[in-house]
Amino acid sequence: MAREPYVDKNVCISCELCVNMVPDVFQMGEDGFAEVHDPTGASEKEIQDAIDNCPVNCIHWQ
């Protein structure tokens, strides 16, 4: 995978949508916000679906 997802925790509202959609990539951190725990845990398409469905657009590619 040439690019990796990241979560902008300053924007995240802790809705857990990304965690529910792609639990092998995203998890809720100790701070209560989503974070990437395994950027290779799913296909880019699955990750992109989470990015596209995030209600506050806090997940991006880097």
Protein backbone atom coordinates (compact mmCIF):
# COMPACT_ATOMS: atom_id res chain seq x y z
CA MET A 1 0.00 0.00 0.00
CA ALA A 2 1.59 3.22 -1.15
CA ARG A 3 -0.50 5.48 1.03
CA GLU A 4 -1.75 5.23 4.57
CA PRO A 5 -4.88 6.58 6.24
CA TYR A 6 -4.70 8.90 9.21
CA VAL A 7 -7.32 10.40 11.49
CA ASP A 8 -7.34 14.11 12.32
CA LYS A 9 -8.25 13.84 16.00
CA ASN A 10 -8.95 17.59 16.15
CA VAL A 11 -11.96 16.96 13.92
CA CYS A 12 -13.04 13.45 15.01
CA ILE A 13 -16.35 13.31 16.93
CA SER A 14 -15.87 9.72 18.23
CA CYS A 15 -18.84 8.36 16.27
CA GLU A 16 -17.04 5.01 15.77
CA LEU A 17 -18.29 4.66 12.19
CA CYS A 18 -14.81 3.92 10.83
CA VAL A 19 -14.17 1.40 13.63
CA ASN A 20 -17.44 -0.36 12.84
CA MET A 21 -16.77 -0.33 9.09
CA VAL A 22 -13.10 -1.36 9.13
CA PRO A 23 -12.18 -2.69 12.59
CA ASP A 24 -8.95 -4.22 11.32
CA VAL A 25 -7.66 -0.72 10.47
CA PHE A 26 -9.30 1.67 12.94
CA GLN A 27 -9.76 1.54 16.69
CA MET A 28 -10.80 3.94 19.40
CA GLY A 29 -7.78 5.32 21.22
CA GLU A 30 -7.43 5.83 24.94
CA ASP A 31 -8.27 9.49 24.32
CA GLY A 32 -11.70 8.47 22.99
CA PHE A 33 -10.98 9.34 19.37
CA ALA A 34 -10.52 7.08 16.38
CA GLU A 35 -7.00 6.18 15.31
CA VAL A 36 -5.28 3.94 12.79
CA HIS A 37 -3.86 0.82 14.41
CA ASP A 38 -3.07 -1.20 11.24
CA PRO A 39 -2.98 0.71 7.95
CA THR A 40 -2.59 -2.57 6.05
CA GLY A 41 -5.52 -4.30 7.77
CA ALA A 42 -7.93 -3.82 4.84
CA SER A 43 -7.96 -2.91 1.18
CA GLU A 44 -7.70 0.67 0.01
CA LYS A 45 -11.29 0.38 -1.21
CA GLU A 46 -12.55 -0.61 2.25
CA ILE A 47 -10.59 2.25 3.83
CA GLN A 48 -11.85 4.67 1.18
CA ASP A 49 -15.42 3.63 2.02
CA ALA A 50 -14.77 4.62 5.64
CA ILE A 51 -13.24 7.91 4.49
CA ASP A 52 -16.23 8.63 2.25
CA ASN A 53 -18.73 7.84 5.02
CA CYS A 54 -17.06 9.76 7.84
CA PRO A 55 -19.61 12.40 8.87
CA VAL A 56 -16.96 15.03 9.66
CA ASN A 57 -14.33 14.12 7.02
CA CYS A 58 -11.56 13.55 9.56
CA ILE A 59 -9.93 10.57 7.82
CA HIS A 60 -7.44 11.28 5.05
CA TRP A 61 -4.69 9.62 3.03
CA GLN A 62 -1.06 10.56 3.58
